Amino acid sequence: IEVGGGMVLEFWLEQKCVTPNTLEILLQSFIFVSIAVAGVHMIGLEQAPTAFLFLIGLPSIPFLLKIFQCEVELEEKKGKFWGSSVLTRHYSAFRVLAAFFLGLVLAFTFWYLVLPEQNSAMLFQTQKQELKSVQGVLLGAALNVADAFEKIFTHNLQVLLFVIVFSI
């Protein structure tokens, strides 16, 4: 098992377990978004809201699964992290997901700023609608903060429920 030092392409092609470092994970998520942007432009921007997220998720799932499989092998050989085996187990998952998320955020921001305004508006239509609905809840319930918090919390709880159901 090797940690870091390898190229991102080696991670995909080689059979041995090579865990990419944080920067390589960030770069890979940026590449996934860039490929999805190109794919949506080839398919047509009319399909953008659904195809864009699908094209990002499609390569992300096996990538993250392979990283976690390699991380499990590494964790079995490690001892404790800061005196806790629980932190040891979850630190690597947190590192991987945080790097992947940061790469996605940077890529979304980059492409939102670089693409022409019309293409950007169609590509990020779903995300803009979600932000507007959250802003509407916050602004509409500005006098009653508890109601706004409850609506956002309930929505996030529903998302969590779907994630748990689909991960089983």
C-alpha atoms as a PDB file:
ATOM      1  CA  ILE A   1       0.000   0.000   0.000  1.00  0.00           C
ATOM      2  CA  GLU A   2       1.356   3.386  -0.982  1.00  0.00           C
ATOM      3  CA  VAL A   3       0.184   6.689   0.388  1.00  0.00           C
ATOM      4  CA  GLY A   4       0.346   9.683  -1.932  1.00  0.00           C
ATOM      5  CA  GLY A   5       3.189  10.242  -4.327  1.00  0.00           C
ATOM      6  CA  GLY A   6       1.343   8.585  -7.223  1.00  0.00           C
ATOM      7  CA  MET A   7      -0.439  10.294 -10.045  1.00  0.00           C
ATOM      8  CA  VAL A   8      -4.231  10.341 -10.156  1.00  0.00           C
ATOM      9  CA  LEU A   9      -4.182   8.196 -13.294  1.00  0.00           C
ATOM     10  CA  GLU A  10      -2.171   5.486 -11.527  1.00  0.00           C
ATOM     11  CA  PHE A  11      -4.908   5.288  -8.924  1.00  0.00           C
ATOM     12  CA  TRP A  12      -7.435   4.377 -11.614  1.00  0.00           C
ATOM     13  CA  LEU A  13      -5.294   2.011 -13.660  1.00  0.00           C
ATOM     14  CA  GLU A  14      -3.218   0.037 -11.184  1.00  0.00           C
ATOM     15  CA  GLN A  15      -4.595  -2.880  -9.217  1.00  0.00           C
ATOM     16  CA  LYS A  16      -2.566  -2.203  -6.087  1.00  0.00           C
ATOM     17  CA  CYS A  17      -3.964   0.037  -3.420  1.00  0.00           C
ATOM     18  CA  VAL A  18      -2.534   3.546  -3.843  1.00  0.00           C
ATOM     19  CA  THR A  19      -4.364   6.168  -1.827  1.00  0.00           C
ATOM     20  CA  PRO A  20      -4.235   9.632  -3.378  1.00  0.00           C
ATOM     21  CA  ASN A  21      -3.223  12.546  -1.196  1.00  0.00           C
ATOM     22  CA  THR A  22      -5.587  15.409  -0.381  1.00  0.00           C
ATOM     23  CA  LEU A  23      -4.496  17.575  -3.310  1.00  0.00           C
ATOM     24  CA  GLU A  24      -4.973  14.696  -5.760  1.00  0.00           C
ATOM     25  CA  ILE A  25      -8.491  14.068  -4.437  1.00  0.00           C
ATOM     26  CA  LEU A  26      -9.297  17.764  -4.809  1.00  0.00           C
ATOM     27  CA  LEU A  27      -7.921  17.726  -8.360  1.00  0.00           C
ATOM     28  CA  GLN A  28      -9.916  14.612  -9.246  1.00  0.00           C
ATOM     29  CA  SER A  29     -13.210  16.158  -8.116  1.00  0.00           C
ATOM     30  CA  PHE A  30     -12.362  19.270 -10.154  1.00  0.00           C
ATOM     31  CA  ILE A  31     -11.778  17.010 -13.175  1.00  0.00           C
ATOM     32  CA  PHE A  32     -15.133  15.263 -12.642  1.00  0.00           C
ATOM     33  CA  VAL A  33     -16.989  18.578 -12.691  1.00  0.00           C
ATOM     34  CA  SER A  34     -15.043  19.723 -15.767  1.00  0.00           C
ATOM     35  CA  ILE A  35     -15.895  16.515 -17.619  1.00  0.00           C
ATOM     36  CA  ALA A  36     -19.551  16.944 -16.632  1.00  0.00           C
ATOM     37  CA  VAL A  37     -19.536  20.531 -17.935  1.00  0.00           C
ATOM     38  CA  ALA A  38     -18.141  19.318 -21.274  1.00  0.00           C
ATOM     39  CA  GLY A  39     -20.582  16.402 -21.337  1.00  0.00           C
ATOM     40  CA  VAL A  40     -23.602  18.603 -20.731  1.00  0.00           C
ATOM     41  CA  HIS A  41     -22.484  20.956 -23.490  1.00  0.00           C
ATOM     42  CA  MET A  42     -22.163  17.981 -25.869  1.00  0.00           C
ATOM     43  CA  ILE A  43     -25.567  16.570 -24.848  1.00  0.00           C
ATOM     44  CA  GLY A  44     -27.265  19.938 -24.946  1.00  0.00           C
ATOM     45  CA  LEU A  45     -27.995  22.499 -22.291  1.00  0.00           C
ATOM     46  CA  GLU A  46     -31.704  21.624 -22.280  1.00  0.00           C
ATOM     47  CA  GLN A  47     -30.816  18.488 -20.284  1.00  0.00           C
ATOM     48  CA  ALA A  48     -28.409  20.382 -18.008  1.00  0.00           C
ATOM     49  CA  PRO A  49     -30.174  20.290 -14.624  1.00  0.00           C
ATOM     50  CA  THR A  50     -30.378  16.505 -14.397  1.00  0.00           C
ATOM     51  CA  ALA A  51     -27.523  15.418 -16.650  1.00  0.00           C
ATOM     52  CA  PHE A  52     -24.985  17.683 -14.944  1.00  0.00           C
ATOM     53  CA  LEU A  53     -25.368  16.116 -11.508  1.00  0.00           C
ATOM     54  CA  PHE A  54     -25.583  12.626 -13.011  1.00  0.00           C
ATOM     55  CA  LEU A  55     -22.339  13.103 -14.941  1.00  0.00           C
ATOM     56  CA  ILE A  56     -20.596  14.254 -11.758  1.00  0.00           C
ATOM     57  CA  GLY A  57     -21.957  11.431  -9.631  1.00  0.00           C
ATOM     58  CA  LEU A  58     -21.233   8.667 -12.136  1.00  0.00           C
ATOM     59  CA  PRO A  59     -17.415   8.687 -11.826  1.00  0.00           C
ATOM     60  CA  SER A  60     -17.450   9.957  -8.232  1.00  0.00           C
ATOM     61  CA  ILE A  61     -19.019   6.858  -6.723  1.00  0.00           C
ATOM     62  CA  PRO A  62     -16.405   4.302  -7.851  1.00  0.00           C
ATOM     63  CA  PHE A  63     -13.616   6.790  -7.146  1.00  0.00           C
ATOM     64  CA  LEU A  64     -14.705   7.346  -3.558  1.00  0.00           C
ATOM     65  CA  LEU A  65     -15.424   3.651  -3.007  1.00  0.00           C
ATOM     66  CA  LYS A  66     -11.925   2.706  -4.158  1.00  0.00           C
ATOM     67  CA  ILE A  67     -10.386   5.338  -1.884  1.00  0.00           C
ATOM     68  CA  PHE A  68     -12.364   4.053   1.084  1.00  0.00           C
ATOM     69  CA  GLN A  69     -11.370   0.458   0.343  1.00  0.00           C
ATOM     70  CA  CYS A  70      -7.709   1.482   0.340  1.00  0.00           C
ATOM     71  CA  GLU A  71      -8.195   3.566   3.479  1.00  0.00           C
ATOM     72  CA  VAL A  72      -9.727   0.576   5.295  1.00  0.00           C
ATOM     73  CA  GLU A  73      -6.614  -1.462   4.523  1.00  0.00           C
ATOM     74  CA  LEU A  74      -4.437   1.325   5.898  1.00  0.00           C
ATOM     75  CA  GLU A  75      -6.564   1.809   9.020  1.00  0.00           C
ATOM     76  CA  GLU A  76      -6.320  -1.859   9.929  1.00  0.00           C
ATOM     77  CA  LYS A  77      -2.549  -1.478  10.138  1.00  0.00           C
ATOM     78  CA  LYS A  78      -2.637   1.763  12.158  1.00  0.00           C
ATOM     79  CA  GLY A  79      -2.925   2.094  15.870  1.00  0.00           C
ATOM     80  CA  LYS A  80      -4.719   4.927  17.568  1.00  0.00           C
ATOM     81  CA  PHE A  81      -5.011   8.578  16.548  1.00  0.00           C
ATOM     82  CA  TRP A  82      -4.957  11.050  19.418  1.00  0.00           C
ATOM     83  CA  GLY A  83      -5.645   8.144  21.766  1.00  0.00           C
ATOM     84  CA  SER A  84      -8.834   7.078  20.038  1.00  0.00           C
ATOM     85  CA  SER A  85      -9.427   4.310  17.529  1.00  0.00           C
ATOM     86  CA  VAL A  86     -12.744   5.997  16.558  1.00  0.00           C
ATOM     87  CA  LEU A  87     -10.911   9.147  15.458  1.00  0.00           C
ATOM     88  CA  THR A  88      -8.457   6.991  13.540  1.00  0.00           C
ATOM     89  CA  ARG A  89     -11.281   5.331  11.672  1.00  0.00           C
ATOM     90  CA  HIS A  90     -13.145   8.520  10.781  1.00  0.00           C
ATOM     91  CA  TYR A  91     -10.259  10.945  10.251  1.00  0.00           C
ATOM     92  CA  SER A  92      -9.359   9.505   6.838  1.00  0.00           C
ATOM     93  CA  ALA A  93     -13.000   9.500   5.707  1.00  0.00           C
ATOM     94  CA  PHE A  94     -13.366  13.110   6.826  1.00  0.00           C
ATOM     95  CA  ARG A  95     -10.145  14.072   5.017  1.00  0.00           C
ATOM     96  CA  VAL A  96     -11.261  12.388   1.786  1.00  0.00           C
ATOM     97  CA  LEU A  97     -14.785  13.817   1.815  1.00  0.00           C
ATOM     98  CA  ALA A  98     -13.608  17.309   2.785  1.00  0.00           C
ATOM     99  CA  ALA A  99     -11.036  17.357  -0.030  1.00  0.00           C
ATOM    100  CA  PHE A 100     -13.584  16.020  -2.518  1.00  0.00           C
ATOM    101  CA  PHE A 101     -16.187  18.576  -1.418  1.00  0.00           C
ATOM    102  CA  LEU A 102     -13.695  21.440  -1.599  1.00  0.00           C
ATOM    103  CA  GLY A 103     -12.717  20.351  -5.115  1.00  0.00           C
ATOM    104  CA  LEU A 104     -16.375  20.325  -6.148  1.00  0.00           C
ATOM    105  CA  VAL A 105     -16.960  23.787  -4.694  1.00  0.00           C
ATOM    106  CA  LEU A 106     -13.885  25.195  -6.430  1.00  0.00           C
ATOM    107  CA  ALA A 107     -14.860  23.595  -9.740  1.00  0.00           C
ATOM    108  CA  PHE A 108     -18.473  24.785  -9.544  1.00  0.00           C
ATOM    109  CA  THR A 109     -17.270  28.294  -8.750  1.00  0.00           C
ATOM    110  CA  PHE A 110     -14.680  28.237 -11.529  1.00  0.00           C
ATOM    111  CA  TRP A 111     -17.123  27.079 -14.192  1.00  0.00           C
ATOM    112  CA  TYR A 112     -19.871  29.420 -12.978  1.00  0.00           C
ATOM    113  CA  LEU A 113     -17.501  32.366 -13.432  1.00  0.00           C
ATOM    114  CA  VAL A 114     -15.832  31.203 -16.671  1.00  0.00           C
ATOM    115  CA  LEU A 115     -18.837  30.092 -18.732  1.00  0.00           C
ATOM    116  CA  PRO A 116     -20.957  32.635 -20.588  1.00  0.00           C
ATOM    117  CA  GLU A 117     -23.833  33.906 -18.457  1.00  0.00           C
ATOM    118  CA  GLN A 118     -26.520  32.136 -20.505  1.00  0.00           C
ATOM    119  CA  ASN A 119     -24.747  28.746 -20.297  1.00  0.00           C
ATOM    120  CA  SER A 120     -24.002  29.239 -16.635  1.00  0.00           C
ATOM    121  CA  ALA A 121     -27.637  30.088 -15.895  1.00  0.00           C
ATOM    122  CA  MET A 122     -28.884  26.906 -17.586  1.00  0.00           C
ATOM    123  CA  LEU A 123     -26.191  24.679 -16.114  1.00  0.00           C
ATOM    124  CA  PHE A 124     -26.675  25.845 -12.531  1.00  0.00           C
ATOM    125  CA  GLN A 125     -30.451  26.299 -12.753  1.00  0.00           C
ATOM    126  CA  THR A 126     -31.255  23.663 -10.097  1.00  0.00           C
ATOM    127  CA  GLN A 127     -28.744  25.047  -7.616  1.00  0.00           C
ATOM    128  CA  LYS A 128     -29.996  28.601  -8.109  1.00  0.00           C
ATOM    129  CA  GLN A 129     -33.609  27.523  -7.539  1.00  0.00           C
ATOM    130  CA  GLU A 130     -32.645  25.747  -4.316  1.00  0.00           C
ATOM    131  CA  LEU A 131     -30.776  28.814  -3.055  1.00  0.00           C
ATOM    132  CA  LYS A 132     -33.745  31.031  -3.888  1.00  0.00           C
ATOM    133  CA  SER A 133     -36.128  28.733  -2.023  1.00  0.00           C
ATOM    134  CA  VAL A 134     -33.878  28.728   1.047  1.00  0.00           C
ATOM    135  CA  GLN A 135     -33.563  32.516   0.850  1.00  0.00           C
ATOM    136  CA  GLY A 136     -37.348  32.758   0.525  1.00  0.00           C
ATOM    137  CA  VAL A 137     -37.808  30.664   3.646  1.00  0.00           C
ATOM    138  CA  LEU A 138     -35.315  32.817   5.532  1.00  0.00           C
ATOM    139  CA  LEU A 139     -36.646  36.158   4.301  1.00  0.00           C
ATOM    140  CA  GLY A 140     -40.302  35.125   4.574  1.00  0.00           C
ATOM    141  CA  ALA A 141     -39.796  33.917   8.113  1.00  0.00           C
ATOM    142  CA  ALA A 142     -37.416  36.640   9.199  1.00  0.00           C
ATOM    143  CA  LEU A 143     -39.740  37.624  12.011  1.00  0.00           C
ATOM    144  CA  ASN A 144     -40.016  34.053  13.214  1.00  0.00           C
ATOM    145  CA  VAL A 145     -36.537  32.524  13.273  1.00  0.00           C
ATOM    146  CA  ALA A 146     -37.810  29.294  14.844  1.00  0.00           C
ATOM    147  CA  ASP A 147     -40.045  28.592  11.821  1.00  0.00           C
ATOM    148  CA  ALA A 148     -37.175  29.205   9.383  1.00  0.00           C
ATOM    149  CA  PHE A 149     -34.876  26.953  11.384  1.00  0.00           C
ATOM    150  CA  GLU A 150     -37.552  24.255  11.582  1.00  0.00           C
ATOM    151  CA  LYS A 151     -38.174  24.301   7.813  1.00  0.00           C
ATOM    152  CA  ILE A 152     -34.477  24.105   6.962  1.00  0.00           C
ATOM    153  CA  PHE A 153     -33.861  21.442   9.600  1.00  0.00           C
ATOM    154  CA  THR A 154     -36.816  19.357   8.368  1.00  0.00           C
ATOM    155  CA  HIS A 155     -35.628  19.640   4.768  1.00  0.00           C
ATOM    156  CA  ASN A 156     -32.097  18.568   5.714  1.00  0.00           C
ATOM    157  CA  LEU A 157     -33.507  15.712   7.790  1.00  0.00           C
ATOM    158  CA  GLN A 158     -35.438  14.499   4.737  1.00  0.00           C
ATOM    159  CA  VAL A 159     -32.262  14.618   2.657  1.00  0.00           C
ATOM    160  CA  LEU A 160     -30.413  12.656   5.356  1.00  0.00           C
ATOM    161  CA  LEU A 161     -33.201  10.069   5.405  1.00  0.00           C
ATOM    162  CA  PHE A 162     -32.948   9.596   1.634  1.00  0.00           C
ATOM    163  CA  VAL A 163     -29.168   9.248   1.866  1.00  0.00           C
ATOM    164  CA  ILE A 164     -29.495   6.573   4.547  1.00  0.00           C
ATOM    165  CA  VAL A 165     -32.239   4.694   2.658  1.00  0.00           C
ATOM    166  CA  PHE A 166     -30.318   4.702  -0.622  1.00  0.00           C
ATOM    167  CA  SER A 167     -27.039   3.724   1.032  1.00  0.00           C
ATOM    168  CA  ILE A 168     -28.501   0.507   2.434  1.00  0.00           C
END
